[in-house]
Amino acid sequence: MQTYTVDIINERAIILLKDLESLKLIRLRKQVSENMTKDRWFSKYKGAMLKQPLNEIDQQLNELRNSWE
C-alpha cells in the first residue's frame, strides 16, 4: 500500500474519489491538523477544575495521603 497526499482543487474530484473508494480501489482518510486536536483537547477539559490557592491544594493532597495510611 502506498500513501499519497492530494490537494483537492475542484469539488467534483471528491465525487470521483468517493466512487473509487466504493469500488474498494482506494481508502479516503480526512487529515486532522495538529492545531485542531490541541484545541479539542483544551475545550474538552476547560473549566473542569477551579482555580485554587496553592495552600488549599497542598492541604487536600495531605488529607488524601493521610487517608491511605
PDB file of N, CA and C in Angstrom:
ATOM      1  N   MET A   1       0.849  -1.178   0.000  1.00  0.00           N
ATOM      2  CA  MET A   1       0.000   0.000   0.000  1.00  0.00           C
ATOM      3  C   MET A   1       0.892   1.238   0.000  1.00  0.00           C
ATOM      4  N   GLN A   2       0.490   2.234  -0.746  1.00  0.00           N
ATOM      5  CA  GLN A   2       1.212   3.491  -0.828  1.00  0.00           C
ATOM      6  C   GLN A   2       0.294   4.614  -0.373  1.00  0.00           C
ATOM      7  N   THR A   3       0.866   5.635   0.230  1.00  0.00           N
ATOM      8  CA  THR A   3       0.094   6.774   0.713  1.00  0.00           C
ATOM      9  C   THR A   3       0.501   8.017  -0.056  1.00  0.00           C
ATOM     10  N   TYR A   4      -0.491   8.754  -0.516  1.00  0.00           N
ATOM     11  CA  TYR A   4      -0.275   9.998  -1.236  1.00  0.00           C
ATOM     12  C   TYR A   4      -1.079  11.103  -0.561  1.00  0.00           C
ATOM     13  N   THR A   5      -0.585  12.301  -0.613  1.00  0.00           N
ATOM     14  CA  THR A   5      -1.332  13.461  -0.167  1.00  0.00           C
ATOM     15  C   THR A   5      -1.803  14.205  -1.403  1.00  0.00           C
ATOM     16  N   VAL A   6      -3.099  14.505  -1.452  1.00  0.00           N
ATOM     17  CA  VAL A   6      -3.689  15.128  -2.631  1.00  0.00           C
ATOM     18  C   VAL A   6      -4.350  16.431  -2.217  1.00  0.00           C
ATOM     19  N   ASP A   7      -4.107  17.491  -2.963  1.00  0.00           N
ATOM     20  CA  ASP A   7      -4.812  18.755  -2.757  1.00  0.00           C
ATOM     21  C   ASP A   7      -5.997  18.795  -3.716  1.00  0.00           C
ATOM     22  N   ILE A   8      -7.191  18.934  -3.167  1.00  0.00           N
ATOM     23  CA  ILE A   8      -8.402  18.973  -3.983  1.00  0.00           C
ATOM     24  C   ILE A   8      -8.571  20.396  -4.523  1.00  0.00           C
ATOM     25  N   ILE A   9      -8.574  20.514  -5.834  1.00  0.00           N
ATOM     26  CA  ILE A   9      -8.728  21.813  -6.484  1.00  0.00           C
ATOM     27  C   ILE A   9     -10.184  22.051  -6.865  1.00  0.00           C
ATOM     28  N   ASN A  10     -10.844  20.997  -7.280  1.00  0.00           N
ATOM     29  CA  ASN A  10     -12.231  21.096  -7.715  1.00  0.00           C
ATOM     30  C   ASN A  10     -13.066  20.108  -6.905  1.00  0.00           C
ATOM     31  N   GLU A  11     -14.212  20.555  -6.425  1.00  0.00           N
ATOM     32  CA  GLU A  11     -15.069  19.716  -5.580  1.00  0.00           C
ATOM     33  C   GLU A  11     -15.558  18.460  -6.313  1.00  0.00           C
ATOM     34  N   ARG A  12     -15.599  18.485  -7.646  1.00  0.00           N
ATOM     35  CA  ARG A  12     -16.028  17.302  -8.396  1.00  0.00           C
ATOM     36  C   ARG A  12     -15.058  16.138  -8.211  1.00  0.00           C
ATOM     37  N   ALA A  13     -13.827  16.459  -7.857  1.00  0.00           N
ATOM     38  CA  ALA A  13     -12.838  15.405  -7.634  1.00  0.00           C
ATOM     39  C   ALA A  13     -13.213  14.546  -6.432  1.00  0.00           C
ATOM     40  N   ILE A  14     -13.868  15.140  -5.462  1.00  0.00           N
ATOM     41  CA  ILE A  14     -14.278  14.367  -4.283  1.00  0.00           C
ATOM     42  C   ILE A  14     -15.268  13.284  -4.672  1.00  0.00           C
ATOM     43  N   ILE A  15     -16.179  13.603  -5.573  1.00  0.00           N
ATOM     44  CA  ILE A  15     -17.148  12.605  -6.042  1.00  0.00           C
ATOM     45  C   ILE A  15     -16.420  11.451  -6.722  1.00  0.00           C
ATOM     46  N   LEU A  16     -15.437  11.780  -7.548  1.00  0.00           N
ATOM     47  CA  LEU A  16     -14.666  10.730  -8.224  1.00  0.00           C
ATOM     48  C   LEU A  16     -13.889   9.881  -7.220  1.00  0.00           C
ATOM     49  N   LEU A  17     -13.312  10.517  -6.228  1.00  0.00           N
ATOM     50  CA  LEU A  17     -12.574   9.774  -5.209  1.00  0.00           C
ATOM     51  C   LEU A  17     -13.502   8.854  -4.415  1.00  0.00           C
ATOM     52  N   LYS A  18     -14.696   9.344  -4.099  1.00  0.00           N
ATOM     53  CA  LYS A  18     -15.660   8.509  -3.369  1.00  0.00           C
ATOM     54  C   LYS A  18     -16.100   7.318  -4.217  1.00  0.00           C
ATOM     55  N   ASP A  19     -16.214   7.529  -5.522  1.00  0.00           N
ATOM     56  CA  ASP A  19     -16.538   6.411  -6.415  1.00  0.00           C
ATOM     57  C   ASP A  19     -15.426   5.365  -6.395  1.00  0.00           C
ATOM     58  N   LEU A  20     -14.174   5.816  -6.418  1.00  0.00           N
ATOM     59  CA  LEU A  20     -13.051   4.878  -6.341  1.00  0.00           C
ATOM     60  C   LEU A  20     -13.040   4.139  -5.004  1.00  0.00           C
ATOM     61  N   GLU A  21     -13.427   4.845  -3.954  1.00  0.00           N
ATOM     62  CA  GLU A  21     -13.485   4.210  -2.640  1.00  0.00           C
ATOM     63  C   GLU A  21     -14.581   3.151  -2.602  1.00  0.00           C
ATOM     64  N   SER A  22     -15.733   3.427  -3.205  1.00  0.00           N
ATOM     65  CA  SER A  22     -16.817   2.439  -3.216  1.00  0.00           C
ATOM     66  C   SER A  22     -16.443   1.201  -4.018  1.00  0.00           C
ATOM     67  N   LEU A  23     -15.545   1.340  -4.984  1.00  0.00           N
ATOM     68  CA  LEU A  23     -15.052   0.191  -5.747  1.00  0.00           C
ATOM     69  C   LEU A  23     -13.918  -0.531  -5.007  1.00  0.00           C
ATOM     70  N   LYS A  24     -13.609  -0.048  -3.801  1.00  0.00           N
ATOM     71  CA  LYS A  24     -12.549  -0.605  -2.954  1.00  0.00           C
ATOM     72  C   LYS A  24     -11.173  -0.558  -3.630  1.00  0.00           C
ATOM     73  N   LEU A  25     -10.964   0.526  -4.382  1.00  0.00           N
ATOM     74  CA  LEU A  25      -9.670   0.747  -5.015  1.00  0.00           C
ATOM     75  C   LEU A  25      -8.784   1.654  -4.167  1.00  0.00           C
ATOM     76  N   ILE A  26      -9.415   2.542  -3.411  1.00  0.00           N
ATOM     77  CA  ILE A  26      -8.681   3.437  -2.534  1.00  0.00           C
ATOM     78  C   ILE A  26      -9.427   3.549  -1.202  1.00  0.00           C
ATOM     79  N   ARG A  27      -8.750   4.123  -0.218  1.00  0.00           N
ATOM     80  CA  ARG A  27      -9.384   4.421   1.065  1.00  0.00           C
ATOM     81  C   ARG A  27      -9.144   5.897   1.349  1.00  0.00           C
ATOM     82  N   LEU A  28     -10.225   6.610   1.655  1.00  0.00           N
ATOM     83  CA  LEU A  28     -10.126   8.026   1.954  1.00  0.00           C
ATOM     84  C   LEU A  28     -10.046   8.226   3.463  1.00  0.00           C
ATOM     85  N   ARG A  29      -9.126   9.087   3.859  1.00  0.00           N
ATOM     86  CA  ARG A  29      -8.998   9.461   5.271  1.00  0.00           C
ATOM     87  C   ARG A  29      -8.899  10.971   5.332  1.00  0.00           C
ATOM     88  N   LYS A  30      -9.680  11.571   6.194  1.00  0.00           N
ATOM     89  CA  LYS A  30      -9.616  13.011   6.351  1.00  0.00           C
ATOM     90  C   LYS A  30      -8.491  13.336   7.311  1.00  0.00           C
ATOM     91  N   GLN A  31      -7.627  14.224   6.905  1.00  0.00           N
ATOM     92  CA  GLN A  31      -6.483  14.597   7.721  1.00  0.00           C
ATOM     93  C   GLN A  31      -6.900  15.684   8.697  1.00  0.00           C
ATOM     94  N   VAL A  32      -6.583  15.472   9.976  1.00  0.00           N
ATOM     95  CA  VAL A  32      -6.887  16.449  11.014  1.00  0.00           C
ATOM     96  C   VAL A  32      -5.613  17.197  11.337  1.00  0.00           C
ATOM     97  N   SER A  33      -5.699  18.519  11.316  1.00  0.00           N
ATOM     98  CA  SER A  33      -4.497  19.307  11.613  1.00  0.00           C
ATOM     99  C   SER A  33      -4.150  19.179  13.089  1.00  0.00           C
ATOM    100  N   GLU A  34      -2.895  19.347  13.412  1.00  0.00           N
ATOM    101  CA  GLU A  34      -2.417  19.202  14.788  1.00  0.00           C
ATOM    102  C   GLU A  34      -3.048  20.253  15.697  1.00  0.00           C
ATOM    103  N   ASN A  35      -3.251  21.465  15.178  1.00  0.00           N
ATOM    104  CA  ASN A  35      -3.850  22.521  15.989  1.00  0.00           C
ATOM    105  C   ASN A  35      -5.287  22.194  16.358  1.00  0.00           C
ATOM    106  N   MET A  36      -6.024  21.542  15.463  1.00  0.00           N
ATOM    107  CA  MET A  36      -7.406  21.176  15.751  1.00  0.00           C
ATOM    108  C   MET A  36      -7.467  20.207  16.919  1.00  0.00           C
ATOM    109  N   THR A  37      -6.585  19.214  16.955  1.00  0.00           N
ATOM    110  CA  THR A  37      -6.636  18.236  18.030  1.00  0.00           C
ATOM    111  C   THR A  37      -6.270  18.880  19.362  1.00  0.00           C
ATOM    112  N   LYS A  38      -5.328  19.823  19.352  1.00  0.00           N
ATOM    113  CA  LYS A  38      -4.972  20.518  20.590  1.00  0.00           C
ATOM    114  C   LYS A  38      -6.142  21.353  21.077  1.00  0.00           C
ATOM    115  N   ASP A  39      -6.832  22.048  20.159  1.00  0.00           N
ATOM    116  CA  ASP A  39      -7.973  22.873  20.548  1.00  0.00           C
ATOM    117  C   ASP A  39      -9.092  22.019  21.103  1.00  0.00           C
ATOM    118  N   ARG A  40      -9.347  20.877  20.510  1.00  0.00           N
ATOM    119  CA  ARG A  40     -10.397  19.990  21.006  1.00  0.00           C
ATOM    120  C   ARG A  40     -10.051  19.469  22.389  1.00  0.00           C
ATOM    121  N   TRP A  41      -8.797  19.109  22.604  1.00  0.00           N
ATOM    122  CA  TRP A  41      -8.382  18.618  23.914  1.00  0.00           C
ATOM    123  C   TRP A  41      -8.575  19.697  24.959  1.00  0.00           C
ATOM    124  N   PHE A  42      -8.186  20.904  24.636  1.00  0.00           N
ATOM    125  CA  PHE A  42      -8.289  22.003  25.583  1.00  0.00           C
ATOM    126  C   PHE A  42      -9.753  22.289  25.913  1.00  0.00           C
ATOM    127  N   SER A  43     -10.604  22.356  24.909  1.00  0.00           N
ATOM    128  CA  SER A  43     -12.001  22.688  25.156  1.00  0.00           C
ATOM    129  C   SER A  43     -12.723  21.571  25.899  1.00  0.00           C
ATOM    130  N   LYS A  44     -12.263  20.352  25.762  1.00  0.00           N
ATOM    131  CA  LYS A  44     -12.889  19.225  26.465  1.00  0.00           C
ATOM    132  C   LYS A  44     -12.711  19.370  27.973  1.00  0.00           C
ATOM    133  N   TYR A  45     -11.545  19.820  28.411  1.00  0.00           N
ATOM    134  CA  TYR A  45     -11.242  19.894  29.840  1.00  0.00           C
ATOM    135  C   TYR A  45     -11.318  21.313  30.402  1.00  0.00           C
ATOM    136  N   LYS A  46     -11.616  22.287  29.569  1.00  0.00           N
ATOM    137  CA  LYS A  46     -11.660  23.673  30.028  1.00  0.00           C
ATOM    138  C   LYS A  46     -12.756  23.827  31.085  1.00  0.00           C
ATOM    139  N   GLY A  47     -12.401  24.378  32.227  1.00  0.00           N
ATOM    140  CA  GLY A  47     -13.365  24.596  33.300  1.00  0.00           C
ATOM    141  C   GLY A  47     -13.606  23.384  34.167  1.00  0.00           C
ATOM    142  N   ALA A  48     -12.891  22.290  33.943  1.00  0.00           N
ATOM    143  CA  ALA A  48     -13.096  21.082  34.735  1.00  0.00           C
ATOM    144  C   ALA A  48     -12.598  21.264  36.168  1.00  0.00           C
ATOM    145  N   MET A  49     -11.607  22.098  36.349  1.00  0.00           N
ATOM    146  CA  MET A  49     -11.084  22.353  37.684  1.00  0.00           C
ATOM    147  C   MET A  49     -11.138  23.849  37.953  1.00  0.00           C
ATOM    148  N   LEU A  50     -11.478  24.169  39.181  1.00  0.00           N
ATOM    149  CA  LEU A  50     -11.495  25.564  39.579  1.00  0.00           C
ATOM    150  C   LEU A  50     -10.111  25.984  40.050  1.00  0.00           C
ATOM    151  N   LYS A  51      -9.795  27.247  39.884  1.00  0.00           N
ATOM    152  CA  LYS A  51      -8.519  27.757  40.385  1.00  0.00           C
ATOM    153  C   LYS A  51      -8.580  27.799  41.900  1.00  0.00           C
ATOM    154  N   GLN A  52      -7.533  27.279  42.543  1.00  0.00           N
ATOM    155  CA  GLN A  52      -7.453  27.252  43.994  1.00  0.00           C
ATOM    156  C   GLN A  52      -6.085  27.757  44.427  1.00  0.00           C
ATOM    157  N   PRO A  53      -6.031  28.354  45.611  1.00  0.00           N
ATOM    158  CA  PRO A  53      -4.718  28.739  46.135  1.00  0.00           C
ATOM    159  C   PRO A  53      -3.856  27.506  46.393  1.00  0.00           C
ATOM    160  N   LEU A  54      -2.566  27.660  46.265  1.00  0.00           N
ATOM    161  CA  LEU A  54      -1.626  26.552  46.405  1.00  0.00           C
ATOM    162  C   LEU A  54      -1.725  25.880  47.765  1.00  0.00           C
ATOM    163  N   ASN A  55      -1.940  26.656  48.828  1.00  0.00           N
ATOM    164  CA  ASN A  55      -2.015  26.049  50.161  1.00  0.00           C
ATOM    165  C   ASN A  55      -3.240  25.146  50.309  1.00  0.00           C
ATOM    166  N   GLU A  56      -4.353  25.479  49.640  1.00  0.00           N
ATOM    167  CA  GLU A  56      -5.534  24.599  49.676  1.00  0.00           C
ATOM    168  C   GLU A  56      -5.254  23.283  48.953  1.00  0.00           C
ATOM    169  N   ILE A  57      -4.558  23.361  47.839  1.00  0.00           N
ATOM    170  CA  ILE A  57      -4.218  22.143  47.092  1.00  0.00           C
ATOM    171  C   ILE A  57      -3.300  21.261  47.928  1.00  0.00           C
ATOM    172  N   ASP A  58      -2.293  21.857  48.564  1.00  0.00           N
ATOM    173  CA  ASP A  58      -1.395  21.092  49.432  1.00  0.00           C
ATOM    174  C   ASP A  58      -2.168  20.430  50.567  1.00  0.00           C
ATOM    175  N   GLN A  59      -3.098  21.149  51.153  1.00  0.00           N
ATOM    176  CA  GLN A  59      -3.893  20.595  52.247  1.00  0.00           C
ATOM    177  C   GLN A  59      -4.730  19.406  51.769  1.00  0.00           C
ATOM    178  N   GLN A  60      -5.347  19.522  50.612  1.00  0.00           N
ATOM    179  CA  GLN A  60      -6.144  18.423  50.064  1.00  0.00           C
ATOM    180  C   GLN A  60      -5.270  17.211  49.759  1.00  0.00           C
ATOM    181  N   LEU A  61      -4.091  17.450  49.193  1.00  0.00           N
ATOM    182  CA  LEU A  61      -3.180  16.340  48.911  1.00  0.00           C
ATOM    183  C   LEU A  61      -2.745  15.637  50.196  1.00  0.00           C
ATOM    184  N   ASN A  62      -2.434  16.416  51.220  1.00  0.00           N
ATOM    185  CA  ASN A  62      -2.042  15.811  52.501  1.00  0.00           C
ATOM    186  C   ASN A  62      -3.188  15.004  53.104  1.00  0.00           C
ATOM    187  N   GLU A  63      -4.419  15.499  53.002  1.00  0.00           N
ATOM    188  CA  GLU A  63      -5.570  14.750  53.507  1.00  0.00           C
ATOM    189  C   GLU A  63      -5.738  13.434  52.754  1.00  0.00           C
ATOM    190  N   LEU A  64      -5.563  13.480  51.442  1.00  0.00           N
ATOM    191  CA  LEU A  64      -5.667  12.248  50.649  1.00  0.00           C
ATOM    192  C   LEU A  64      -4.564  11.250  51.032  1.00  0.00           C
ATOM    193  N   ARG A  65      -3.351  11.738  51.161  1.00  0.00           N
ATOM    194  CA  ARG A  65      -2.242  10.846  51.520  1.00  0.00           C
ATOM    195  C   ARG A  65      -2.450  10.236  52.901  1.00  0.00           C
ATOM    196  N   ASN A  66      -2.930  11.017  53.843  1.00  0.00           N
ATOM    197  CA  ASN A  66      -3.168  10.514  55.196  1.00  0.00           C
ATOM    198  C   ASN A  66      -4.302   9.494  55.231  1.00  0.00           C
ATOM    199  N   SER A  67      -5.269   9.638  54.354  1.00  0.00           N
ATOM    200  CA  SER A  67      -6.400   8.703  54.356  1.00  0.00           C
ATOM    201  C   SER A  67      -5.974   7.313  53.845  1.00  0.00           C
ATOM    202  N   TRP A  68      -4.861   7.224  53.098  1.00  0.00           N
ATOM    203  CA  TRP A  68      -4.389   5.938  52.612  1.00  0.00           C
ATOM    204  C   TRP A  68      -3.712   5.124  53.707  1.00  0.00           C
ATOM    205  N   GLU A  69      -3.247   5.775  54.748  1.00  0.00           N
ATOM    206  CA  GLU A  69      -2.495   5.087  55.800  1.00  0.00           C
ATOM    207  C   GLU A  69      -3.400   4.489  56.840  1.00  0.00           C
TER     208      GLU A  69
END
